[in-house]
Amino acid sequence: MKLAVQIPCYNEEQFLASAIDGVPAAIEGISSISIVVIDDGSEDRTAEIAAAHPRVAKVVRLPYHQGLAAAFRAGIDASLALGADIIVNTDADNQYPGRQIPALIKPIMEKRAEFVVGARDMDDIPHFSWAKKVAQRAGSRVVSFICGQPVPDATSGFRAFSRDAALWVDVIASSYTYTLETLVRLSSHKIRMAHIPITVNPPIRKSRLMGNSLEYIARSALDIMTLVYIYSPLKVFIALAALFCLPGLFLTGRFLYYYVTLTVMRTIPTGFEQSLTIGVGLLIIGFFMMLMGITSNLIHTNRKLLERLLLAQQKNEK
């Protein structure tokens, strides 16, 4: 089996060599290990250092800085082009020790999973702030709900993909990060997922992915909301329909109750016509929300069919 280890990076001339050197030179059951470096429009000597390293098989240079999601996707394409049977993604700042790669890919090699995520124990990471730990746990719970299975660490970038799982990978919801969408996307296609406990190295610099905890929480929340309406549109519009229909039913029922008990039974004018007007208006909006949900779900189903056709074409081409 061929393994490709992809390393997306941006201005990592100081630390890239350490991350590359940390990748094992040999792993039992793996015939070859290729390292792919994706230079996301760096302004320093990152690309030159990668190209000069004897263990790097390919350097992908993006023409300008496009963000982690684009660099990750370019790495997947390059690794597939090299004929990789398993693809590992890791960080250029050497956050994830390379010695853990054999354990990460083991479930794939044993055919127990097609997608494996290295799960960090947040309580054991002293350099994570309290706010970040809370945000990580909350985000993982929300993603677990969307995926329909436990996801202990939704934002871990230490991941392994089988070739078939990698063919499903795409990032369309965010230019910020790939971590959340790949979980939701692969689970929506019933890709078998596994999680293994990992440790992390002490930080060597501040994170470039987020400026502070509030920015991280805001961006992650936006990504999660985007993923929900992209991958579960019917649930979103059913919730919106209920938001309008329930008060609409209450107001319409209120009018009918007083109309029957006062006007019909006692010939007393009700004076609750405004409840009927607002209630019917809300019911109409709710009805159209439901129609939008059905239409969106049909579009979502059609996209999944197109993705399956594309996957079949890619397999035939390879």
Protein backbone atom coordinates (compact mmCIF):
# COMPACT_ATOMS: atom_id res chain seq x y z
CA MET A 1 0.00 0.00 0.00
CA LYS A 2 1.18 3.51 -0.83
CA LEU A 3 0.95 6.28 1.76
CA ALA A 4 0.96 10.01 1.02
CA VAL A 5 1.44 12.49 3.85
CA GLN A 6 0.23 15.94 2.87
CA ILE A 7 1.33 19.07 4.71
CA PRO A 8 -0.55 22.32 3.91
CA CYS A 9 1.56 25.31 4.90
CA TYR A 10 1.75 29.08 4.79
CA ASN A 11 4.95 30.91 5.76
CA GLU A 12 6.41 27.91 7.58
CA GLU A 13 10.09 28.16 6.60
CA GLN A 14 11.15 27.87 10.25
CA PHE A 15 9.21 24.75 11.18
CA LEU A 16 8.44 22.83 7.97
CA ALA A 17 11.64 20.75 8.00
CA SER A 18 10.86 19.49 11.51
CA ALA A 19 7.36 18.39 10.45
CA ILE A 20 8.80 16.58 7.41
CA ASP A 21 11.54 14.90 9.45
CA GLY A 22 8.92 13.69 11.94
CA VAL A 23 7.17 11.55 9.31
CA PRO A 24 8.29 7.91 9.71
CA ALA A 25 10.65 6.69 6.99
CA ALA A 26 9.06 3.24 6.99
CA ILE A 27 5.83 1.71 8.28
CA GLU A 28 5.03 -1.99 8.37
CA GLY A 29 2.60 -2.88 5.57
CA ILE A 30 3.31 0.33 3.63
CA SER A 31 5.38 -0.06 0.47
CA SER A 32 6.17 3.62 -0.05
CA ILE A 33 5.73 6.91 1.80
CA SER A 34 5.45 10.12 -0.23
CA ILE A 35 5.38 13.56 1.35
CA VAL A 36 3.37 16.27 -0.41
CA VAL A 37 3.83 19.89 0.64
CA ILE A 38 1.18 22.42 -0.35
CA ASP A 39 2.49 25.97 -0.30
CA ASP A 40 -0.50 28.27 0.14
CA GLY A 41 1.04 31.34 -1.50
CA SER A 42 3.76 31.77 1.13
CA GLU A 43 5.74 34.99 1.21
CA ASP A 44 8.88 33.37 2.65
CA ARG A 45 11.09 30.46 1.54
CA THR A 46 8.60 27.71 2.44
CA ALA A 47 8.37 26.35 -1.11
CA GLU A 48 12.15 26.41 -1.62
CA ILE A 49 12.76 24.54 1.64
CA ALA A 50 10.16 21.94 0.72
CA ALA A 51 11.59 21.45 -2.78
CA ALA A 52 15.13 21.02 -1.40
CA HIS A 53 14.14 18.41 1.19
CA PRO A 54 15.08 14.90 0.00
CA ARG A 55 11.94 13.29 1.42
CA VAL A 56 9.44 15.55 -0.35
CA ALA A 57 7.96 13.87 -3.42
CA LYS A 58 5.89 16.82 -4.64
CA VAL A 59 5.46 20.51 -3.91
CA VAL A 60 2.15 22.11 -4.88
CA ARG A 61 2.38 25.89 -5.10
CA LEU A 62 -0.86 27.87 -5.03
CA PRO A 63 -0.48 31.16 -6.93
CA TYR A 64 -1.68 33.23 -3.96
CA HIS A 65 -2.83 32.73 -0.38
CA GLN A 66 -6.23 31.01 -0.57
CA GLY A 67 -6.70 29.61 2.92
CA LEU A 68 -6.37 26.25 4.63
CA ALA A 69 -9.41 24.70 2.94
CA ALA A 70 -8.05 25.32 -0.57
CA ALA A 71 -4.58 24.06 0.38
CA PHE A 72 -6.05 20.90 1.91
CA ARG A 73 -8.13 20.21 -1.20
CA ALA A 74 -5.11 20.75 -3.48
CA GLY A 75 -3.16 18.28 -1.36
CA ILE A 76 -5.87 15.63 -1.70
CA ASP A 77 -5.79 16.02 -5.50
CA ALA A 78 -1.99 15.81 -5.61
CA SER A 79 -1.89 12.76 -3.32
CA LEU A 80 -4.48 10.95 -5.41
CA ALA A 81 -2.48 11.77 -8.54
CA LEU A 82 0.55 10.08 -6.94
CA GLY A 83 -1.49 6.90 -6.61
CA ALA A 84 -1.80 6.95 -2.83
CA ASP A 85 -3.91 4.24 -1.21
CA ILE A 86 -3.94 6.12 2.11
CA ILE A 87 -3.62 9.88 2.61
CA VAL A 88 -2.62 11.45 5.93
CA ASN A 89 -3.09 15.16 6.58
CA THR A 90 -0.94 16.85 9.20
CA ASP A 91 0.11 20.37 10.16
CA ALA A 92 3.31 22.14 9.13
CA ASP A 93 3.89 23.49 12.65
CA ASN A 94 4.52 19.93 13.87
CA GLN A 95 1.56 20.07 16.27
CA TYR A 96 0.86 16.38 15.62
CA PRO A 97 3.83 14.04 16.26
CA GLY A 98 4.66 12.08 13.13
CA ARG A 99 5.35 8.95 15.21
CA GLN A 100 1.57 8.61 15.62
CA ILE A 101 0.95 8.13 11.88
CA PRO A 102 1.18 4.29 12.08
CA ALA A 103 -1.57 4.24 14.73
CA LEU A 104 -3.65 6.70 12.71
CA ILE A 105 -3.65 4.59 9.55
CA LYS A 106 -4.00 1.23 11.31
CA PRO A 107 -7.85 1.14 11.20
CA ILE A 108 -7.70 1.74 7.43
CA MET A 109 -5.05 -0.92 6.87
CA GLU A 110 -7.14 -3.38 8.88
CA LYS A 111 -10.27 -2.48 6.86
CA ARG A 112 -12.08 -1.30 10.00
CA ALA A 113 -12.55 2.27 8.73
CA GLU A 114 -12.04 4.45 5.68
CA PHE A 115 -11.60 7.75 7.50
CA VAL A 116 -9.73 8.18 10.79
CA VAL A 117 -9.44 11.29 12.96
CA GLY A 118 -6.84 11.78 15.66
CA ALA A 119 -8.78 12.93 18.72
CA ARG A 120 -7.05 15.17 21.24
CA ASP A 121 -7.91 15.13 24.94
CA MET A 122 -8.69 18.79 25.57
CA ASP A 123 -8.08 18.48 29.31
CA ASP A 124 -4.49 17.40 28.62
CA ILE A 125 -3.61 20.42 26.46
CA PRO A 126 -2.42 23.17 28.83
CA HIS A 127 -1.86 25.80 26.12
CA PHE A 128 -5.53 25.75 25.07
CA SER A 129 -7.51 28.50 26.78
CA TRP A 130 -10.65 27.73 28.75
CA ALA A 131 -12.79 29.44 26.09
CA LYS A 132 -11.20 27.42 23.30
CA LYS A 133 -11.75 24.16 25.15
CA VAL A 134 -15.42 25.00 25.70
CA ALA A 135 -15.81 25.98 22.03
CA GLN A 136 -14.10 22.78 20.88
CA ARG A 137 -16.37 20.60 22.99
CA ALA A 138 -19.53 22.47 21.96
CA GLY A 139 -18.59 22.34 18.29
CA SER A 140 -17.83 18.61 18.51
CA ARG A 141 -21.25 17.97 20.07
CA VAL A 142 -23.03 19.91 17.33
CA VAL A 143 -21.08 18.12 14.60
CA SER A 144 -21.82 14.78 16.31
CA PHE A 145 -25.53 15.62 16.12
CA ILE A 146 -25.29 16.53 12.42
CA CYS A 147 -23.24 13.42 11.59
CA GLY A 148 -25.42 11.10 13.65
CA GLN A 149 -22.40 9.56 15.39
CA PRO A 150 -19.93 10.54 18.13
CA VAL A 151 -17.20 12.95 17.03
CA PRO A 152 -14.87 13.58 20.00
CA ASP A 153 -12.64 16.15 18.25
CA ALA A 154 -14.25 17.84 15.26
CA THR A 155 -11.42 20.30 14.58
CA SER A 156 -8.42 17.98 14.68
CA GLY A 157 -6.35 18.30 11.51
CA PHE A 158 -4.56 14.98 12.01
CA ARG A 159 -6.56 12.71 9.71
CA ALA A 160 -6.20 9.68 7.48
CA PHE A 161 -8.30 8.87 4.40
CA SER A 162 -8.53 5.73 2.34
CA ARG A 163 -8.37 6.35 -1.40
CA ASP A 164 -12.13 5.81 -1.78
CA ALA A 165 -12.88 8.21 1.09
CA ALA A 166 -10.51 10.82 -0.36
CA LEU A 167 -12.38 10.69 -3.68
CA TRP A 168 -15.49 11.91 -1.83
CA VAL A 169 -13.66 14.83 -0.22
CA ASP A 170 -14.54 18.37 -1.23
CA VAL A 171 -14.81 21.69 0.59
CA ILE A 172 -17.57 23.98 -0.63
CA ALA A 173 -18.91 25.59 2.55
CA SER A 174 -15.83 27.36 3.88
CA SER A 175 -12.56 28.93 2.82
CA TYR A 176 -11.59 29.02 6.50
CA THR A 177 -11.06 25.34 7.28
CA TYR A 178 -11.86 21.87 5.98
CA THR A 179 -12.19 20.07 9.31
CA LEU A 180 -15.93 20.37 9.94
CA GLU A 181 -17.13 19.87 6.38
CA THR A 182 -15.13 16.72 5.71
CA LEU A 183 -16.72 15.12 8.78
CA VAL A 184 -20.25 16.05 7.72
CA ARG A 185 -19.66 15.27 4.05
CA LEU A 186 -18.12 11.83 4.56
CA SER A 187 -20.70 10.83 7.19
CA SER A 188 -23.48 11.85 4.76
CA HIS A 189 -22.03 9.34 2.28
CA LYS A 190 -21.90 6.62 4.97
CA ILE A 191 -18.10 6.47 4.99
CA ARG A 192 -16.93 4.37 7.95
CA MET A 193 -15.26 6.64 10.47
CA ALA A 194 -12.96 5.93 13.40
CA HIS A 195 -11.26 8.04 16.06
CA ILE A 196 -8.02 7.30 17.88
CA PRO A 197 -6.61 9.17 20.90
CA ILE A 198 -3.52 11.24 20.16
CA THR A 199 -1.18 13.63 21.93
CA VAL A 200 0.12 16.93 20.62
CA ASN A 201 3.46 18.70 20.76
CA PRO A 202 3.80 21.99 22.67
CA PRO A 203 3.06 25.05 20.51
CA ILE A 204 5.99 26.68 18.72
CA ARG A 205 4.07 29.75 17.57
CA LYS A 206 0.64 31.34 17.78
CA SER A 207 -2.11 29.87 15.64
CA ARG A 208 -2.54 31.52 12.25
CA LEU A 209 -5.96 29.98 11.77
CA MET A 210 -7.59 32.26 14.32
CA GLY A 211 -6.80 35.60 15.87
CA ASN A 212 -8.57 34.90 19.18
CA SER A 213 -11.15 32.61 20.74
CA LEU A 214 -14.11 34.83 19.81
CA GLU A 215 -13.08 34.88 16.16
CA TYR A 216 -12.65 31.11 16.23
CA ILE A 217 -16.09 30.59 17.78
CA ALA A 218 -17.77 32.98 15.33
CA ARG A 219 -16.18 31.40 12.27
CA SER A 220 -16.86 27.87 13.44
CA ALA A 221 -20.50 28.72 14.22
CA LEU A 222 -20.92 30.21 10.74
CA ASP A 223 -19.39 27.10 9.17
CA ILE A 224 -21.69 24.81 11.16
CA MET A 225 -24.80 26.78 10.15
CA THR A 226 -23.68 26.69 6.52
CA LEU A 227 -23.10 22.93 6.69
CA VAL A 228 -26.54 22.32 8.18
CA TYR A 229 -28.42 24.04 5.37
CA ILE A 230 -26.16 22.55 2.67
CA TYR A 231 -26.25 18.95 3.89
CA SER A 232 -29.58 18.89 5.76
CA PRO A 233 -31.78 21.47 3.99
CA LEU A 234 -35.07 19.72 4.75
CA LYS A 235 -34.41 19.86 8.50
CA VAL A 236 -33.65 23.58 8.27
CA PHE A 237 -36.81 24.46 6.36
CA ILE A 238 -39.00 22.20 8.50
CA ALA A 239 -37.74 24.09 11.54
CA LEU A 240 -38.45 27.41 9.81
CA ALA A 241 -41.89 26.20 8.72
CA ALA A 242 -42.68 25.21 12.31
CA LEU A 243 -41.46 28.61 13.50
CA PHE A 244 -44.18 30.28 11.41
CA CYS A 245 -46.89 27.60 11.40
CA LEU A 246 -47.17 27.06 15.14
CA PRO A 247 -47.98 30.68 16.04
CA GLY A 248 -50.13 30.84 12.88
CA LEU A 249 -52.17 27.86 14.06
CA PHE A 250 -52.48 29.39 17.54
CA LEU A 251 -53.73 32.74 16.23
CA THR A 252 -56.10 31.13 13.72
CA GLY A 253 -57.40 28.77 16.40
CA ARG A 254 -57.85 31.72 18.74
CA PHE A 255 -60.03 33.47 16.20
CA LEU A 256 -62.09 30.34 15.48
CA TYR A 257 -62.62 29.68 19.19
CA TYR A 258 -64.01 33.13 19.87
CA TYR A 259 -65.93 33.16 16.60
CA VAL A 260 -67.74 29.93 17.49
CA THR A 261 -68.26 30.69 21.20
CA LEU A 262 -69.28 34.32 20.74
CA THR A 263 -70.50 35.03 17.22
CA VAL A 264 -72.07 31.68 16.32
CA MET A 265 -73.43 30.72 19.73
CA ARG A 266 -74.23 34.14 21.19
CA THR A 267 -74.34 36.45 18.14
CA ILE A 268 -71.72 38.72 19.70
CA PRO A 269 -69.13 40.23 17.33
CA THR A 270 -65.71 38.74 18.14
CA GLY A 271 -63.40 41.59 17.20
CA PHE A 272 -60.48 39.14 16.71
CA GLU A 273 -60.15 39.51 12.94
CA GLN A 274 -56.54 40.64 13.35
CA SER A 275 -55.69 37.20 14.79
CA LEU A 276 -57.15 35.56 11.69
CA THR A 277 -55.26 37.89 9.36
CA ILE A 278 -51.90 37.43 11.05
CA GLY A 279 -52.46 33.71 11.64
CA VAL A 280 -53.31 32.98 8.00
CA GLY A 281 -50.34 35.07 6.88
CA LEU A 282 -48.01 33.04 9.10
CA LEU A 283 -49.50 29.77 7.86
CA ILE A 284 -48.93 30.82 4.24
CA ILE A 285 -45.30 31.69 5.00
CA GLY A 286 -44.87 28.35 6.78
CA PHE A 287 -46.40 26.51 3.82
CA PHE A 288 -43.96 28.15 1.41
CA MET A 289 -41.09 27.35 3.78
CA MET A 290 -42.11 23.70 3.57
CA LEU A 291 -42.19 23.88 -0.23
CA MET A 292 -38.72 25.44 -0.21
CA GLY A 293 -37.53 22.61 2.03
CA ILE A 294 -38.86 19.98 -0.36
CA THR A 295 -37.24 21.74 -3.32
CA SER A 296 -33.93 22.12 -1.49
CA ASN A 297 -33.98 18.47 -0.49
CA LEU A 298 -34.54 17.45 -4.12
CA ILE A 299 -31.56 19.61 -5.13
CA HIS A 300 -29.50 18.03 -2.35
CA THR A 301 -30.47 14.54 -3.54
CA ASN A 302 -29.61 15.45 -7.12
CA ARG A 303 -26.19 16.73 -6.01
CA LYS A 304 -25.49 13.44 -4.24
CA LEU A 305 -26.38 11.53 -7.41
CA LEU A 306 -24.04 13.74 -9.43
CA GLU A 307 -21.29 13.18 -6.87
CA ARG A 308 -21.72 9.41 -7.22
CA LEU A 309 -21.44 9.69 -11.00
CA LEU A 310 -18.31 11.83 -10.61
CA LEU A 311 -16.84 9.30 -8.18
CA ALA A 312 -17.46 6.47 -10.62
CA GLN A 313 -15.81 8.48 -13.40
CA GLN A 314 -12.78 9.24 -11.22
CA LYS A 315 -12.37 5.57 -10.33
CA ASN A 316 -12.52 4.60 -14.00
CA GLU A 317 -9.93 7.23 -14.90
CA LYS A 318 -7.54 5.99 -12.22
